[in-house]
PDB file of N, CA and C in Angstrom:
ATOM      1  N   MET A   1     112.295 113.356 110.833  1.00  0.00           N
ATOM      2  CA  MET A   1     112.332 114.157 109.629  1.00  0.00           C
ATOM      3  C   MET A   1     113.127 113.414 108.540  1.00  0.00           C
ATOM      4  N   ILE A   2     112.626 113.453 107.357  1.00  0.00           N
ATOM      5  CA  ILE A   2     113.264 112.777 106.238  1.00  0.00           C
ATOM      6  C   ILE A   2     114.064 113.799 105.436  1.00  0.00           C
ATOM      7  N   ARG A   3     115.388 113.614 105.467  1.00  0.00           N
ATOM      8  CA  ARG A   3     116.269 114.539 104.739  1.00  0.00           C
ATOM      9  C   ARG A   3     116.895 113.882 103.521  1.00  0.00           C
ATOM     10  N   THR A   4     117.121 112.570 103.614  1.00  0.00           N
ATOM     11  CA  THR A   4     117.675 111.819 102.481  1.00  0.00           C
ATOM     12  C   THR A   4     116.956 110.474 102.408  1.00  0.00           C
ATOM     13  N   PHE A   5     117.200 109.756 101.351  1.00  0.00           N
ATOM     14  CA  PHE A   5     116.605 108.427 101.203  1.00  0.00           C
ATOM     15  C   PHE A   5     117.020 107.508 102.340  1.00  0.00           C
ATOM     16  N   ARG A   6     118.183 107.761 102.924  1.00  0.00           N
ATOM     17  CA  ARG A   6     118.670 106.930 104.036  1.00  0.00           C
ATOM     18  C   ARG A   6     117.815 107.073 105.291  1.00  0.00           C
ATOM     19  N   ASP A   7     117.001 108.116 105.348  1.00  0.00           N
ATOM     20  CA  ASP A   7     116.109 108.310 106.487  1.00  0.00           C
ATOM     21  C   ASP A   7     114.810 107.515 106.362  1.00  0.00           C
ATOM     22  N   LEU A   8     114.543 106.980 105.191  1.00  0.00           N
ATOM     23  CA  LEU A   8     113.321 106.200 104.981  1.00  0.00           C
ATOM     24  C   LEU A   8     113.486 104.809 105.596  1.00  0.00           C
ATOM     25  N   ARG A   9     112.559 104.443 106.456  1.00  0.00           N
ATOM     26  CA  ARG A   9     112.627 103.140 107.121  1.00  0.00           C
ATOM     27  C   ARG A   9     112.659 101.991 106.109  1.00  0.00           C
ATOM     28  N   VAL A  10     111.864 102.097 105.053  1.00  0.00           N
ATOM     29  CA  VAL A  10     111.811 101.029 104.058  1.00  0.00           C
ATOM     30  C   VAL A  10     113.160 100.897 103.336  1.00  0.00           C
ATOM     31  N   TYR A  11     113.854 102.005 103.154  1.00  0.00           N
ATOM     32  CA  TYR A  11     115.194 101.936 102.558  1.00  0.00           C
ATOM     33  C   TYR A  11     116.127 101.168 103.487  1.00  0.00           C
ATOM     34  N   LYS A  12     116.153 101.570 104.760  1.00  0.00           N
ATOM     35  CA  LYS A  12     117.049 100.930 105.726  1.00  0.00           C
ATOM     36  C   LYS A  12     116.790  99.431 105.813  1.00  0.00           C
ATOM     37  N   GLN A  13     115.532  99.061 105.894  1.00  0.00           N
ATOM     38  CA  GLN A  13     115.193  97.643 106.033  1.00  0.00           C
ATOM     39  C   GLN A  13     115.517  96.855 104.772  1.00  0.00           C
ATOM     40  N   SER A  14     115.221  97.420 103.616  1.00  0.00           N
ATOM     41  CA  SER A  14     115.506  96.698 102.373  1.00  0.00           C
ATOM     42  C   SER A  14     117.012  96.581 102.138  1.00  0.00           C
ATOM     43  N   TYR A  15     117.767  97.578 102.554  1.00  0.00           N
ATOM     44  CA  TYR A  15     119.225  97.528 102.429  1.00  0.00           C
ATOM     45  C   TYR A  15     119.785  96.397 103.297  1.00  0.00           C
ATOM     46  N   GLU A  16     119.322  96.337 104.549  1.00  0.00           N
ATOM     47  CA  GLU A  16     119.788  95.275 105.456  1.00  0.00           C
ATOM     48  C   GLU A  16     119.367  93.893 104.963  1.00  0.00           C
ATOM     49  N   LEU A  17     118.158  93.782 104.449  1.00  0.00           N
ATOM     50  CA  LEU A  17     117.710  92.498 103.909  1.00  0.00           C
ATOM     51  C   LEU A  17     118.526  92.090 102.689  1.00  0.00           C
ATOM     52  N   GLY A  18     118.895  93.055 101.871  1.00  0.00           N
ATOM     53  CA  GLY A  18     119.742  92.762 100.716  1.00  0.00           C
ATOM     54  C   GLY A  18     121.083  92.181 101.143  1.00  0.00           C
ATOM     55  N   LYS A  19     121.628  92.698 102.241  1.00  0.00           N
ATOM     56  CA  LYS A  19     122.881  92.140 102.759  1.00  0.00           C
ATOM     57  C   LYS A  19     122.672  90.718 103.265  1.00  0.00           C
ATOM     58  N   GLU A  20     121.547  90.472 103.909  1.00  0.00           N
ATOM     59  CA  GLU A  20     121.249  89.121 104.398  1.00  0.00           C
ATOM     60  C   GLU A  20     121.087  88.144 103.231  1.00  0.00           C
ATOM     61  N   VAL A  21     120.393  88.568 102.196  1.00  0.00           N
ATOM     62  CA  VAL A  21     120.245  87.728 101.003  1.00  0.00           C
ATOM     63  C   VAL A  21     121.612  87.422 100.415  1.00  0.00           C
ATOM     64  N   HIS A  22     122.482  88.404 100.375  1.00  0.00           N
ATOM     65  CA  HIS A  22     123.828  88.188  99.843  1.00  0.00           C
ATOM     66  C   HIS A  22     124.552  87.103 100.650  1.00  0.00           C
ATOM     67  N   ARG A  23     124.478  87.206 101.973  1.00  0.00           N
ATOM     68  CA  ARG A  23     125.137  86.212 102.824  1.00  0.00           C
ATOM     69  C   ARG A  23     124.562  84.815 102.603  1.00  0.00           C
ATOM     70  N   VAL A  24     123.254  84.726 102.559  1.00  0.00           N
ATOM     71  CA  VAL A  24     122.588  83.430 102.410  1.00  0.00           C
ATOM     72  C   VAL A  24     122.932  82.787 101.067  1.00  0.00           C
ATOM     73  N   THR A  25     122.946  83.572 100.005  1.00  0.00           N
ATOM     74  CA  THR A  25     123.207  82.998  98.681  1.00  0.00           C
ATOM     75  C   THR A  25     124.645  82.521  98.507  1.00  0.00           C
ATOM     76  N   GLN A  26     125.543  82.993  99.348  1.00  0.00           N
ATOM     77  CA  GLN A  26     126.930  82.521  99.269  1.00  0.00           C
ATOM     78  C   GLN A  26     127.047  81.051  99.676  1.00  0.00           C
ATOM     79  N   ARG A  27     126.011  80.521 100.318  1.00  0.00           N
ATOM     80  CA  ARG A  27     126.001  79.108 100.713  1.00  0.00           C
ATOM     81  C   ARG A  27     125.313  78.218  99.676  1.00  0.00           C
ATOM     82  N   PHE A  28     124.756  78.795  98.647  1.00  0.00           N
ATOM     83  CA  PHE A  28     124.115  77.993  97.600  1.00  0.00           C
ATOM     84  C   PHE A  28     125.175  77.123  96.932  1.00  0.00           C
ATOM     85  N   PRO A  29     124.749  76.018  96.305  1.00  0.00           N
ATOM     86  CA  PRO A  29     125.730  75.222  95.543  1.00  0.00           C
ATOM     87  C   PRO A  29     126.446  76.105  94.522  1.00  0.00           C
ATOM     88  N   LYS A  30     127.661  75.736  94.232  1.00  0.00           N
ATOM     89  CA  LYS A  30     128.501  76.584  93.378  1.00  0.00           C
ATOM     90  C   LYS A  30     127.803  76.999  92.086  1.00  0.00           C
ATOM     91  N   HIS A  31     127.179  76.068  91.397  1.00  0.00           N
ATOM     92  CA  HIS A  31     126.531  76.420  90.128  1.00  0.00           C
ATOM     93  C   HIS A  31     125.352  77.375  90.326  1.00  0.00           C
ATOM     94  N   GLU A  32     124.715  77.346  91.486  1.00  0.00           N
ATOM     95  CA  GLU A  32     123.579  78.226  91.735  1.00  0.00           C
ATOM     96  C   GLU A  32     123.990  79.593  92.270  1.00  0.00           C
ATOM     97  N   ARG A  33     125.195  79.732  92.759  1.00  0.00           N
ATOM     98  CA  ARG A  33     125.652  81.055  93.194  1.00  0.00           C
ATOM     99  C   ARG A  33     125.677  82.021  92.023  1.00  0.00           C
ATOM    100  N   TYR A  34     125.889  81.486  90.829  1.00  0.00           N
ATOM    101  CA  TYR A  34     125.992  82.327  89.636  1.00  0.00           C
ATOM    102  C   TYR A  34     124.698  82.345  88.831  1.00  0.00           C
ATOM    103  N   GLU A  35     123.750  81.527  89.190  1.00  0.00           N
ATOM    104  CA  GLU A  35     122.463  81.491  88.494  1.00  0.00           C
ATOM    105  C   GLU A  35     121.394  82.091  89.400  1.00  0.00           C
ATOM    106  N   LEU A  36     120.736  81.253  90.155  1.00  0.00           N
ATOM    107  CA  LEU A  36     119.668  81.690  91.049  1.00  0.00           C
ATOM    108  C   LEU A  36     120.189  82.681  92.094  1.00  0.00           C
ATOM    109  N   GLY A  37     121.344  82.413  92.652  1.00  0.00           N
ATOM    110  CA  GLY A  37     121.907  83.296  93.677  1.00  0.00           C
ATOM    111  C   GLY A  37     122.164  84.692  93.151  1.00  0.00           C
ATOM    112  N   SER A  38     122.744  84.784  91.975  1.00  0.00           N
ATOM    113  CA  SER A  38     123.029  86.086  91.380  1.00  0.00           C
ATOM    114  C   SER A  38     121.749  86.861  91.104  1.00  0.00           C
ATOM    115  N   GLN A  39     120.746  86.176  90.573  1.00  0.00           N
ATOM    116  CA  GLN A  39     119.484  86.846  90.273  1.00  0.00           C
ATOM    117  C   GLN A  39     118.802  87.315  91.561  1.00  0.00           C
ATOM    118  N   LEU A  40     118.873  86.494  92.593  1.00  0.00           N
ATOM    119  CA  LEU A  40     118.289  86.860  93.886  1.00  0.00           C
ATOM    120  C   LEU A  40     119.016  88.063  94.495  1.00  0.00           C
ATOM    121  N   ARG A  41     120.327  88.070  94.405  1.00  0.00           N
ATOM    122  CA  ARG A  41     121.095  89.215  94.918  1.00  0.00           C
ATOM    123  C   ARG A  41     120.748  90.495  94.163  1.00  0.00           C
ATOM    124  N   ARG A  42     120.686  90.408  92.837  1.00  0.00           N
ATOM    125  CA  ARG A  42     120.373  91.596  92.033  1.00  0.00           C
ATOM    126  C   ARG A  42     118.975  92.129  92.337  1.00  0.00           C
ATOM    127  N   ALA A  43     118.010  91.234  92.458  1.00  0.00           N
ATOM    128  CA  ALA A  43     116.638  91.670  92.739  1.00  0.00           C
ATOM    129  C   ALA A  43     116.543  92.310  94.125  1.00  0.00           C
ATOM    130  N   SER A  44     117.232  91.724  95.105  1.00  0.00           N
ATOM    131  CA  SER A  44     117.172  92.285  96.461  1.00  0.00           C
ATOM    132  C   SER A  44     117.869  93.643  96.525  1.00  0.00           C
ATOM    133  N   GLN A  45     118.931  93.805  95.770  1.00  0.00           N
ATOM    134  CA  GLN A  45     119.645  95.089  95.745  1.00  0.00           C
ATOM    135  C   GLN A  45     118.874  96.149  94.966  1.00  0.00           C
ATOM    136  N   SER A  46     118.064  95.713  94.036  1.00  0.00           N
ATOM    137  CA  SER A  46     117.288  96.637  93.220  1.00  0.00           C
ATOM    138  C   SER A  46     116.294  97.446  94.052  1.00  0.00           C
ATOM    139  N   ILE A  47     115.829  96.881  95.145  1.00  0.00           N
ATOM    140  CA  ILE A  47     114.829  97.582  95.964  1.00  0.00           C
ATOM    141  C   ILE A  47     115.414  98.860  96.566  1.00  0.00           C
ATOM    142  N   PRO A  48     116.471  98.788  97.384  1.00  0.00           N
ATOM    143  CA  PRO A  48     117.003 100.051  97.924  1.00  0.00           C
ATOM    144  C   PRO A  48     117.599 100.952  96.841  1.00  0.00           C
ATOM    145  N   LEU A  49     118.130 100.361  95.779  1.00  0.00           N
ATOM    146  CA  LEU A  49     118.676 101.185  94.695  1.00  0.00           C
ATOM    147  C   LEU A  49     117.583 102.028  94.042  1.00  0.00           C
ATOM    148  N   ASN A  50     116.415 101.444  93.802  1.00  0.00           N
ATOM    149  CA  ASN A  50     115.326 102.202  93.186  1.00  0.00           C
ATOM    150  C   ASN A  50     114.729 103.224  94.140  1.00  0.00           C
ATOM    151  N   ILE A  51     114.691 102.900  95.428  1.00  0.00           N
ATOM    152  CA  ILE A  51     114.239 103.894  96.409  1.00  0.00           C
ATOM    153  C   ILE A  51     115.182 105.099  96.368  1.00  0.00           C
ATOM    154  N   ALA A  52     116.476 104.830  96.375  1.00  0.00           N
ATOM    155  CA  ALA A  52     117.465 105.917  96.369  1.00  0.00           C
ATOM    156  C   ALA A  52     117.387 106.734  95.079  1.00  0.00           C
ATOM    157  N   GLU A  53     117.327 106.055  93.943  1.00  0.00           N
ATOM    158  CA  GLU A  53     117.277 106.785  92.679  1.00  0.00           C
ATOM    159  C   GLU A  53     115.995 107.595  92.561  1.00  0.00           C
ATOM    160  N   GLY A  54     114.884 106.988  92.939  1.00  0.00           N
ATOM    161  CA  GLY A  54     113.615 107.707  92.875  1.00  0.00           C
ATOM    162  C   GLY A  54     113.576 108.897  93.810  1.00  0.00           C
ATOM    163  N   TYR A  55     114.147 108.729  95.003  1.00  0.00           N
ATOM    164  CA  TYR A  55     114.176 109.837  95.953  1.00  0.00           C
ATOM    165  C   TYR A  55     114.994 110.996  95.395  1.00  0.00           C
ATOM    166  N   GLY A  56     116.033 110.669  94.677  1.00  0.00           N
ATOM    167  CA  GLY A  56     116.847 111.706  94.051  1.00  0.00           C
ATOM    168  C   GLY A  56     116.083 112.499  93.014  1.00  0.00           C
ATOM    169  N   ARG A  57     114.991 111.930  92.538  1.00  0.00           N
ATOM    170  CA  ARG A  57     114.150 112.617  91.553  1.00  0.00           C
ATOM    171  C   ARG A  57     112.826 113.052  92.169  1.00  0.00           C
ATOM    172  N   LYS A  58     112.804 113.177  93.480  1.00  0.00           N
ATOM    173  CA  LYS A  58     111.554 113.430  94.186  1.00  0.00           C
ATOM    174  C   LYS A  58     110.919 114.782  93.893  1.00  0.00           C
ATOM    175  N   LYS A  59     111.633 115.657  93.234  1.00  0.00           N
ATOM    176  CA  LYS A  59     111.013 116.932  92.858  1.00  0.00           C
ATOM    177  C   LYS A  59     109.830 116.677  91.934  1.00  0.00           C
ATOM    178  N   SER A  60     109.885 115.544  91.267  1.00  0.00           N
ATOM    179  CA  SER A  60     108.756 115.112  90.460  1.00  0.00           C
ATOM    180  C   SER A  60     108.088 113.959  91.203  1.00  0.00           C
ATOM    181  N   LYS A  61     106.913 114.226  91.740  1.00  0.00           N
ATOM    182  CA  LYS A  61     106.157 113.204  92.479  1.00  0.00           C
ATOM    183  C   LYS A  61     105.981 111.953  91.622  1.00  0.00           C
ATOM    184  N   ALA A  62     105.658 112.151  90.369  1.00  0.00           N
ATOM    185  CA  ALA A  62     105.414 111.018  89.473  1.00  0.00           C
ATOM    186  C   ALA A  62     106.672 110.167  89.292  1.00  0.00           C
ATOM    187  N   GLU A  63     107.828 110.798  89.209  1.00  0.00           N
ATOM    188  CA  GLU A  63     109.080 110.046  89.029  1.00  0.00           C
ATOM    189  C   GLU A  63     109.379 109.184  90.251  1.00  0.00           C
ATOM    190  N   PHE A  64     109.262 109.757  91.443  1.00  0.00           N
ATOM    191  CA  PHE A  64     109.529 108.987  92.655  1.00  0.00           C
ATOM    192  C   PHE A  64     108.562 107.815  92.745  1.00  0.00           C
ATOM    193  N   LYS A  65     107.304 108.064  92.465  1.00  0.00           N
ATOM    194  CA  LYS A  65     106.301 106.994  92.539  1.00  0.00           C
ATOM    195  C   LYS A  65     106.596 105.902  91.503  1.00  0.00           C
ATOM    196  N   ARG A  66     107.093 106.294  90.348  1.00  0.00           N
ATOM    197  CA  ARG A  66     107.448 105.300  89.320  1.00  0.00           C
ATOM    198  C   ARG A  66     108.572 104.396  89.825  1.00  0.00           C
ATOM    199  N   PHE A  67     109.557 104.972  90.473  1.00  0.00           N
ATOM    200  CA  PHE A  67     110.656 104.172  91.014  1.00  0.00           C
ATOM    201  C   PHE A  67     110.186 103.294  92.177  1.00  0.00           C
ATOM    202  N   LEU A  68     109.224 103.780  92.938  1.00  0.00           N
ATOM    203  CA  LEU A  68     108.661 102.940  93.993  1.00  0.00           C
ATOM    204  C   LEU A  68     107.950 101.725  93.387  1.00  0.00           C
ATOM    205  N   LEU A  69     107.270 101.920  92.272  1.00  0.00           N
ATOM    206  CA  LEU A  69     106.619 100.790  91.594  1.00  0.00           C
ATOM    207  C   LEU A  69     107.652  99.780  91.103  1.00  0.00           C
ATOM    208  N   ILE A  70     108.764 100.259  90.624  1.00  0.00           N
ATOM    209  CA  ILE A  70     109.837  99.354  90.193  1.00  0.00           C
ATOM    210  C   ILE A  70     110.363  98.581  91.397  1.00  0.00           C
ATOM    211  N   ALA A  71     110.527  99.255  92.534  1.00  0.00           N
ATOM    212  CA  ALA A  71     110.986  98.597  93.757  1.00  0.00           C
ATOM    213  C   ALA A  71     109.980  97.535  94.203  1.00  0.00           C
ATOM    214  N   ILE A  72     108.684  97.829  94.074  1.00  0.00           N
ATOM    215  CA  ILE A  72     107.651  96.847  94.416  1.00  0.00           C
ATOM    216  C   ILE A  72     107.785  95.623  93.511  1.00  0.00           C
ATOM    217  N   GLY A  73     108.013  95.845  92.237  1.00  0.00           N
ATOM    218  CA  GLY A  73     108.210  94.728  91.308  1.00  0.00           C
ATOM    219  C   GLY A  73     109.416  93.887  91.692  1.00  0.00           C
ATOM    220  N   SER A  74     110.502  94.532  92.073  1.00  0.00           N
ATOM    221  CA  SER A  74     111.698  93.800  92.507  1.00  0.00           C
ATOM    222  C   SER A  74     111.419  93.022  93.788  1.00  0.00           C
ATOM    223  N   CYS A  75     110.635  93.593  94.665  1.00  0.00           N
ATOM    224  CA  CYS A  75     110.274  92.918  95.908  1.00  0.00           C
ATOM    225  C   CYS A  75     109.479  91.640  95.596  1.00  0.00           C
ATOM    226  N   ASN A  76     108.561  91.731  94.664  1.00  0.00           N
ATOM    227  CA  ASN A  76     107.809  90.545  94.245  1.00  0.00           C
ATOM    228  C   ASN A  76     108.736  89.507  93.613  1.00  0.00           C
ATOM    229  N   GLU A  77     109.676  89.973  92.825  1.00  0.00           N
ATOM    230  CA  GLU A  77     110.647  89.075  92.202  1.00  0.00           C
ATOM    231  C   GLU A  77     111.453  88.328  93.259  1.00  0.00           C
ATOM    232  N   VAL A  78     111.898  89.034  94.279  1.00  0.00           N
ATOM    233  CA  VAL A  78     112.652  88.395  95.365  1.00  0.00           C
ATOM    234  C   VAL A  78     111.823  87.284  95.995  1.00  0.00           C
ATOM    235  N   GLN A  79     110.542  87.543  96.216  1.00  0.00           N
ATOM    236  CA  GLN A  79     109.696  86.541  96.856  1.00  0.00           C
ATOM    237  C   GLN A  79     109.583  85.275  96.009  1.00  0.00           C
ATOM    238  N   VAL A  80     109.460  85.419  94.716  1.00  0.00           N
ATOM    239  CA  VAL A  80     109.396  84.245  93.832  1.00  0.00           C
ATOM    240  C   VAL A  80     110.736  83.510  93.840  1.00  0.00           C
ATOM    241  N   LEU A  81     111.824  84.239  93.799  1.00  0.00           N
ATOM    242  CA  LEU A  81     113.152  83.616  93.824  1.00  0.00           C
ATOM    243  C   LEU A  81     113.398  82.900  95.156  1.00  0.00           C
ATOM    244  N   LEU A  82     112.887  83.454  96.249  1.00  0.00           N
ATOM    245  CA  LEU A  82     112.984  82.759  97.536  1.00  0.00           C
ATOM    246  C   LEU A  82     112.195  81.454  97.510  1.00  0.00           C
ATOM    247  N   ASP A  83     111.044  81.476  96.846  1.00  0.00           N
ATOM    248  CA  ASP A  83     110.258  80.239  96.691  1.00  0.00           C
ATOM    249  C   ASP A  83     111.092  79.168  95.994  1.00  0.00           C
ATOM    250  N   TYR A  84     111.747  79.551  94.903  1.00  0.00           N
ATOM    251  CA  TYR A  84     112.598  78.603  94.182  1.00  0.00           C
ATOM    252  C   TYR A  84     113.724  78.080  95.082  1.00  0.00           C
ATOM    253  N   ALA A  85     114.392  78.996  95.751  1.00  0.00           N
ATOM    254  CA  ALA A  85     115.521  78.595  96.601  1.00  0.00           C
ATOM    255  C   ALA A  85     115.074  77.627  97.687  1.00  0.00           C
ATOM    256  N   TYR A  86     113.911  77.851  98.230  1.00  0.00           N
ATOM    257  CA  TYR A  86     113.382  76.951  99.258  1.00  0.00           C
ATOM    258  C   TYR A  86     113.009  75.600  98.646  1.00  0.00           C
ATOM    259  N   GLU A  87     112.330  75.631  97.516  1.00  0.00           N
ATOM    260  CA  GLU A  87     111.906  74.386  96.850  1.00  0.00           C
ATOM    261  C   GLU A  87     113.112  73.529  96.439  1.00  0.00           C
ATOM    262  N   PHE A  88     114.225  74.179  96.110  1.00  0.00           N
ATOM    263  CA  PHE A  88     115.436  73.446  95.730  1.00  0.00           C
ATOM    264  C   PHE A  88     116.292  73.089  96.947  1.00  0.00           C
ATOM    265  N   HIS A  89     115.774  73.404  98.148  1.00  0.00           N
ATOM    266  CA  HIS A  89     116.442  73.075  99.422  1.00  0.00           C
ATOM    267  C   HIS A  89     117.744  73.843  99.644  1.00  0.00           C
ATOM    268  N   TYR A  90     117.797  75.067  99.136  1.00  0.00           N
ATOM    269  CA  TYR A  90     118.965  75.916  99.377  1.00  0.00           C
ATOM    270  C   TYR A  90     118.775  76.781 100.615  1.00  0.00           C
ATOM    271  N   LEU A  91     117.529  76.872 101.087  1.00  0.00           N
ATOM    272  CA  LEU A  91     117.203  77.632 102.295  1.00  0.00           C
ATOM    273  C   LEU A  91     116.508  76.704 103.279  1.00  0.00           C
ATOM    274  N   SER A  92     116.809  76.882 104.557  1.00  0.00           N
ATOM    275  CA  SER A  92     116.072  76.137 105.578  1.00  0.00           C
ATOM    276  C   SER A  92     114.663  76.718 105.676  1.00  0.00           C
ATOM    277  N   SER A  93     113.786  75.987 106.289  1.00  0.00           N
ATOM    278  CA  SER A  93     112.416  76.455 106.481  1.00  0.00           C
ATOM    279  C   SER A  93     112.398  77.772 107.262  1.00  0.00           C
ATOM    280  N   ASP A  94     113.214  77.856 108.308  1.00  0.00           N
ATOM    281  CA  ASP A  94     113.260  79.087 109.116  1.00  0.00           C
ATOM    282  C   ASP A  94     113.790  80.272 108.311  1.00  0.00           C
ATOM    283  N   GLU A  95     114.858  80.058 107.548  1.00  0.00           N
ATOM    284  CA  GLU A  95     115.408  81.145 106.722  1.00  0.00           C
ATOM    285  C   GLU A  95     114.363  81.627 105.716  1.00  0.00           C
ATOM    286  N   TYR A  96     113.737  80.662 105.071  1.00  0.00           N
ATOM    287  CA  TYR A  96     112.734  80.988 104.056  1.00  0.00           C
ATOM    288  C   TYR A  96     111.597  81.802 104.661  1.00  0.00           C
ATOM    289  N   LYS A  97     111.039  81.312 105.754  1.00  0.00           N
ATOM    290  CA  LYS A  97     109.904  81.998 106.376  1.00  0.00           C
ATOM    291  C   LYS A  97     110.285  83.403 106.818  1.00  0.00           C
ATOM    292  N   GLN A  98     111.461  83.537 107.415  1.00  0.00           N
ATOM    293  CA  GLN A  98     111.899  84.846 107.895  1.00  0.00           C
ATOM    294  C   GLN A  98     112.111  85.822 106.742  1.00  0.00           C
ATOM    295  N   LEU A  99     112.821  85.388 105.723  1.00  0.00           N
ATOM    296  CA  LEU A  99     113.067  86.270 104.582  1.00  0.00           C
ATOM    297  C   LEU A  99     111.766  86.614 103.863  1.00  0.00           C
ATOM    298  N   LEU A 100     110.918  85.628 103.657  1.00  0.00           N
ATOM    299  CA  LEU A 100     109.663  85.876 102.963  1.00  0.00           C
ATOM    300  C   LEU A 100     108.794  86.857 103.744  1.00  0.00           C
ATOM    301  N   THR A 101     108.691  86.658 105.051  1.00  0.00           N
ATOM    302  CA  THR A 101     107.920  87.575 105.899  1.00  0.00           C
ATOM    303  C   THR A 101     108.479  88.987 105.821  1.00  0.00           C
ATOM    304  N   ASN A 102     109.798  89.098 105.871  1.00  0.00           N
ATOM    305  CA  ASN A 102     110.423  90.425 105.796  1.00  0.00           C
ATOM    306  C   ASN A 102     110.160  91.094 104.452  1.00  0.00           C
ATOM    307  N   TYR A 103     110.251  90.338 103.363  1.00  0.00           N
ATOM    308  CA  TYR A 103     110.012  90.944 102.051  1.00  0.00           C
ATOM    309  C   TYR A 103     108.542  91.247 101.831  1.00  0.00           C
ATOM    310  N   GLU A 104     107.649  90.477 102.418  1.00  0.00           N
ATOM    311  CA  GLU A 104     106.230  90.830 102.358  1.00  0.00           C
ATOM    312  C   GLU A 104     106.002  92.161 103.069  1.00  0.00           C
ATOM    313  N   GLY A 105     106.687  92.359 104.194  1.00  0.00           N
ATOM    314  CA  GLY A 105     106.598  93.629 104.920  1.00  0.00           C
ATOM    315  C   GLY A 105     107.152  94.793 104.120  1.00  0.00           C
ATOM    316  N   ILE A 106     108.261  94.556 103.440  1.00  0.00           N
ATOM    317  CA  ILE A 106     108.848  95.597 102.582  1.00  0.00           C
ATOM    318  C   ILE A 106     107.850  95.973 101.490  1.00  0.00           C
ATOM    319  N   GLY A 107     107.232  94.987 100.885  1.00  0.00           N
ATOM    320  CA  GLY A 107     106.247  95.254  99.841  1.00  0.00           C
ATOM    321  C   GLY A 107     105.090  96.106 100.350  1.00  0.00           C
ATOM    322  N   LYS A 108     104.612  95.814 101.552  1.00  0.00           N
ATOM    323  CA  LYS A 108     103.526  96.604 102.143  1.00  0.00           C
ATOM    324  C   LYS A 108     103.971  98.037 102.412  1.00  0.00           C
ATOM    325  N   GLN A 109     105.195  98.188 102.923  1.00  0.00           N
ATOM    326  CA  GLN A 109     105.707  99.536 103.185  1.00  0.00           C
ATOM    327  C   GLN A 109     105.855 100.337 101.893  1.00  0.00           C
ATOM    328  N   LEU A 110     106.366  99.679 100.855  1.00  0.00           N
ATOM    329  CA  LEU A 110     106.524 100.370  99.578  1.00  0.00           C
ATOM    330  C   LEU A 110     105.171 100.786  99.009  1.00  0.00           C
ATOM    331  N   SER A 111     104.191  99.901  99.108  1.00  0.00           N
ATOM    332  CA  SER A 111     102.848 100.227  98.607  1.00  0.00           C
ATOM    333  C   SER A 111     102.246 101.388  99.379  1.00  0.00           C
ATOM    334  N   ALA A 112     102.416 101.374 100.694  1.00  0.00           N
ATOM    335  CA  ALA A 112     101.896 102.468 101.509  1.00  0.00           C
ATOM    336  C   ALA A 112     102.591 103.789 101.175  1.00  0.00           C
ATOM    337  N   LEU A 113     103.916 103.746 101.012  1.00  0.00           N
ATOM    338  CA  LEU A 113     104.663 104.954 100.663  1.00  0.00           C
ATOM    339  C   LEU A 113     104.214 105.472  99.298  1.00  0.00           C
ATOM    340  N   HIS A 114     104.014 104.567  98.358  1.00  0.00           N
ATOM    341  CA  HIS A 114     103.556 104.952  97.024  1.00  0.00           C
ATOM    342  C   HIS A 114     102.188 105.629  97.100  1.00  0.00           C
ATOM    343  N   SER A 115     101.305 105.094  97.928  1.00  0.00           N
ATOM    344  CA  SER A 115      99.954 105.657  98.054  1.00  0.00           C
ATOM    345  C   SER A 115      99.940 107.013  98.755  1.00  0.00           C
ATOM    346  N   LYS A 116     100.824 107.175  99.721  1.00  0.00           N
ATOM    347  CA  LYS A 116     100.793 108.370 100.572  1.00  0.00           C
ATOM    348  C   LYS A 116     101.728 109.483 100.130  1.00  0.00           C
ATOM    349  N   TRP A 117     102.676 109.190  99.226  1.00  0.00           N
ATOM    350  CA  TRP A 117     103.663 110.208  98.862  1.00  0.00           C
ATOM    351  C   TRP A 117     102.986 111.397  98.201  1.00  0.00           C
ATOM    352  N   LYS A 118     103.285 112.563  98.701  1.00  0.00           N
ATOM    353  CA  LYS A 118     102.660 113.782  98.179  1.00  0.00           C
ATOM    354  C   LYS A 118     103.672 114.653  97.483  1.00  0.00           C
TER     355      LYS A 118
END
C-alpha cells in the first residue's frame, strides 16, 4: 500500500542512486567536483525531489504527472552527464555501465508511473 512518496519503489531507488552519484562525484578532479560533479549531483537529486513534491500535490492528477515529467527530464539529464563523466575518464567502465543501466530503469519506471497514475 502506498501511503507516502517514500513507499514508491521509484522514489526509493532514485534516492539511493542519488547518494551513489554523490559518492562517485567526490572522486572527480577538484575542478570538476564543482562543475560537472555539481550538475550531476543536482540532476540526480532532482528525481526523488520531484517525485516527493509531485506526490504532495497528488490530489491533482495533472500536477503529480507534471512533476513526474520533470523527474523524467532530470533522469535523461543524468544519463547525458554520465556520458560526459565517462568520456572524460572520471568513471570506470563498470561504474558507468551500472549507473547508466540503473538510470535507464528509473526512467522506465517513471514513464510507467506517469502512464498508469489515476
